Amino acid sequence: MLLVKIQNWAVVAKRNARNQLATPDIHLKGMVSGHPSWPDGTEITTSPIRHRKGEHLISGNGTRE
């Protein structure tokens, strides 16, 4: 499991485009470091957050933040 750090983050709620009545998914938006696909300092929005494990969050793609 990949451990990624997000700084200066904010919680973002996004509704599924196919089902506007469903509960919105929760994402984090912030500056990433330690991600293999994004240079450190890039502003990103995570996949939907699925689980919390202590201080860490697990996103929909399995990345641990």
N, C-alpha and C. Protein backbone atom coordinates (compact mmCIF):
# COMPACT_ATOMS: atom_id res chain seq x y z
N MET A 1 0.86 -1.18 0.00
CA MET A 1 0.00 0.00 0.00
C MET A 1 0.90 1.24 0.00
N LEU A 2 0.61 2.18 -0.84
CA LEU A 2 1.38 3.40 -0.99
C LEU A 2 0.99 4.42 0.07
N LEU A 3 1.98 5.01 0.76
CA LEU A 3 1.73 6.05 1.76
C LEU A 3 2.06 7.40 1.15
N VAL A 4 1.06 8.26 1.04
CA VAL A 4 1.18 9.58 0.43
C VAL A 4 0.84 10.64 1.47
N LYS A 5 1.56 11.75 1.46
CA LYS A 5 1.29 12.84 2.40
C LYS A 5 0.59 13.98 1.66
N ILE A 6 -0.47 14.51 2.29
CA ILE A 6 -1.19 15.66 1.73
C ILE A 6 -1.14 16.77 2.77
N GLN A 7 -0.63 17.93 2.35
CA GLN A 7 -0.53 19.09 3.24
C GLN A 7 -1.49 20.17 2.76
N ASN A 8 -1.81 21.08 3.68
CA ASN A 8 -2.73 22.18 3.36
C ASN A 8 -4.01 21.64 2.75
N TRP A 9 -4.57 20.63 3.39
CA TRP A 9 -5.70 19.93 2.82
C TRP A 9 -7.03 20.51 3.27
N ALA A 10 -8.03 20.19 2.49
CA ALA A 10 -9.41 20.54 2.80
C ALA A 10 -10.29 19.36 2.40
N VAL A 11 -11.41 19.22 3.09
CA VAL A 11 -12.39 18.18 2.76
C VAL A 11 -13.29 18.71 1.66
N VAL A 12 -13.50 17.88 0.65
CA VAL A 12 -14.34 18.25 -0.50
C VAL A 12 -15.41 17.18 -0.68
N ALA A 13 -16.65 17.58 -0.81
CA ALA A 13 -17.75 16.63 -1.07
C ALA A 13 -18.14 16.74 -2.54
N LYS A 14 -18.21 15.62 -3.21
CA LYS A 14 -18.59 15.59 -4.64
C LYS A 14 -19.72 14.59 -4.82
N ARG A 15 -20.73 15.01 -5.54
CA ARG A 15 -21.84 14.11 -5.87
C ARG A 15 -21.50 13.31 -7.12
N ASN A 16 -22.00 12.10 -7.15
CA ASN A 16 -21.85 11.25 -8.31
C ASN A 16 -22.68 11.85 -9.45
N ALA A 17 -22.08 12.07 -10.60
CA ALA A 17 -22.78 12.68 -11.73
C ALA A 17 -23.97 11.85 -12.19
N ARG A 18 -23.92 10.54 -11.99
CA ARG A 18 -25.02 9.67 -12.42
C ARG A 18 -26.15 9.58 -11.41
N ASN A 19 -25.89 9.99 -10.16
CA ASN A 19 -26.93 9.90 -9.13
C ASN A 19 -26.82 11.11 -8.21
N GLN A 20 -27.43 12.21 -8.59
CA GLN A 20 -27.35 13.46 -7.84
C GLN A 20 -28.06 13.39 -6.49
N LEU A 21 -28.89 12.38 -6.27
CA LEU A 21 -29.60 12.25 -5.00
C LEU A 21 -28.81 11.44 -3.97
N ALA A 22 -27.77 10.76 -4.40
CA ALA A 22 -26.96 9.95 -3.49
C ALA A 22 -26.14 10.84 -2.56
N THR A 23 -25.75 10.29 -1.43
CA THR A 23 -24.86 11.00 -0.51
C THR A 23 -23.54 11.29 -1.23
N PRO A 24 -23.04 12.51 -1.10
CA PRO A 24 -21.79 12.84 -1.81
C PRO A 24 -20.60 12.03 -1.28
N ASP A 25 -19.65 11.75 -2.17
CA ASP A 25 -18.39 11.14 -1.77
C ASP A 25 -17.52 12.21 -1.14
N ILE A 26 -16.68 11.81 -0.19
CA ILE A 26 -15.77 12.72 0.49
C ILE A 26 -14.36 12.51 -0.05
N HIS A 27 -13.71 13.61 -0.41
CA HIS A 27 -12.35 13.60 -0.95
C HIS A 27 -11.50 14.57 -0.13
N LEU A 28 -10.19 14.47 -0.27
CA LEU A 28 -9.29 15.48 0.25
C LEU A 28 -8.65 16.20 -0.92
N LYS A 29 -8.47 17.50 -0.77
CA LYS A 29 -7.80 18.31 -1.79
C LYS A 29 -6.64 19.00 -1.09
N GLY A 30 -5.45 18.93 -1.67
CA GLY A 30 -4.30 19.57 -1.06
C GLY A 30 -3.04 19.32 -1.87
N MET A 31 -1.90 19.67 -1.27
CA MET A 31 -0.59 19.54 -1.91
C MET A 31 0.00 18.18 -1.56
N VAL A 32 0.34 17.42 -2.58
CA VAL A 32 0.79 16.04 -2.39
C VAL A 32 2.31 15.96 -2.33
N SER A 33 2.79 14.98 -1.56
CA SER A 33 4.21 14.60 -1.61
C SER A 33 4.31 13.09 -1.43
N GLY A 34 5.29 12.50 -2.07
CA GLY A 34 5.50 11.06 -1.96
C GLY A 34 4.66 10.22 -2.91
N HIS A 35 4.03 10.85 -3.90
CA HIS A 35 3.21 10.10 -4.87
C HIS A 35 4.04 9.84 -6.12
N PRO A 36 4.04 8.60 -6.63
CA PRO A 36 4.88 8.30 -7.80
C PRO A 36 4.45 8.98 -9.09
N SER A 37 3.19 9.40 -9.19
CA SER A 37 2.70 9.99 -10.44
C SER A 37 2.66 11.51 -10.44
N TRP A 38 2.80 12.13 -9.26
CA TRP A 38 2.68 13.58 -9.17
C TRP A 38 3.91 14.16 -8.48
N PRO A 39 4.50 15.21 -9.06
CA PRO A 39 5.64 15.85 -8.39
C PRO A 39 5.21 16.44 -7.04
N ASP A 40 6.12 16.41 -6.07
CA ASP A 40 5.83 17.00 -4.76
C ASP A 40 5.37 18.45 -4.94
N GLY A 41 4.33 18.84 -4.20
CA GLY A 41 3.80 20.19 -4.28
C GLY A 41 2.65 20.36 -5.26
N THR A 42 2.31 19.30 -6.01
CA THR A 42 1.19 19.37 -6.95
C THR A 42 -0.12 19.36 -6.17
N GLU A 43 -1.08 20.22 -6.55
CA GLU A 43 -2.39 20.20 -5.91
C GLU A 43 -3.22 19.09 -6.54
N ILE A 44 -3.76 18.22 -5.70
CA ILE A 44 -4.55 17.08 -6.18
C ILE A 44 -5.85 16.98 -5.39
N THR A 45 -6.78 16.21 -5.94
CA THR A 45 -7.98 15.79 -5.23
C THR A 45 -7.96 14.28 -5.23
N THR A 46 -8.10 13.67 -4.05
CA THR A 46 -8.02 12.21 -3.94
C THR A 46 -9.23 11.53 -4.55
N SER A 47 -9.08 10.24 -4.71
CA SER A 47 -10.24 9.38 -4.97
C SER A 47 -11.11 9.46 -3.72
N PRO A 48 -12.36 9.03 -3.80
CA PRO A 48 -13.21 9.07 -2.61
C PRO A 48 -12.56 8.35 -1.42
N ILE A 49 -12.70 8.93 -0.23
CA ILE A 49 -12.18 8.32 0.99
C ILE A 49 -13.13 7.20 1.40
N ARG A 50 -12.57 6.00 1.62
CA ARG A 50 -13.38 4.82 1.93
C ARG A 50 -13.28 4.40 3.39
N HIS A 51 -12.11 4.55 4.00
CA HIS A 51 -11.89 4.07 5.36
C HIS A 51 -10.93 5.00 6.08
N ARG A 52 -11.01 4.96 7.40
CA ARG A 52 -10.04 5.64 8.24
C ARG A 52 -9.38 4.57 9.10
N LYS A 53 -8.07 4.62 9.19
CA LYS A 53 -7.32 3.69 10.02
C LYS A 53 -6.34 4.51 10.84
N GLY A 54 -6.73 4.83 12.09
CA GLY A 54 -5.91 5.70 12.92
C GLY A 54 -5.80 7.09 12.31
N GLU A 55 -4.59 7.54 12.10
CA GLU A 55 -4.36 8.86 11.49
C GLU A 55 -4.41 8.81 9.97
N HIS A 56 -4.58 7.63 9.40
CA HIS A 56 -4.51 7.46 7.95
C HIS A 56 -5.89 7.28 7.35
N LEU A 57 -6.02 7.73 6.11
CA LEU A 57 -7.24 7.54 5.34
C LEU A 57 -6.93 6.66 4.15
N ILE A 58 -7.86 5.81 3.79
CA ILE A 58 -7.70 4.93 2.63
C ILE A 58 -8.67 5.43 1.56
N SER A 59 -8.10 5.78 0.40
CA SER A 59 -8.96 6.29 -0.68
C SER A 59 -9.46 5.13 -1.54
N GLY A 60 -10.35 5.44 -2.46
CA GLY A 60 -10.98 4.43 -3.30
C GLY A 60 -10.00 3.63 -4.14
N ASN A 61 -8.85 4.22 -4.47
CA ASN A 61 -7.89 3.48 -5.28
C ASN A 61 -6.90 2.71 -4.41
N GLY A 62 -7.07 2.75 -3.08
CA GLY A 62 -6.21 1.99 -2.18
C GLY A 62 -5.01 2.75 -1.66
N THR A 63 -4.84 3.99 -2.08
CA THR A 63 -3.73 4.78 -1.58
C THR A 63 -4.00 5.15 -0.13
N ARG A 64 -2.96 5.10 0.66
CA ARG A 64 -3.07 5.44 2.08
C ARG A 64 -2.53 6.84 2.29
N GLU A 65 -3.35 7.72 2.87
CA GLU A 65 -2.97 9.11 3.02
C GLU A 65 -2.99 9.54 4.46
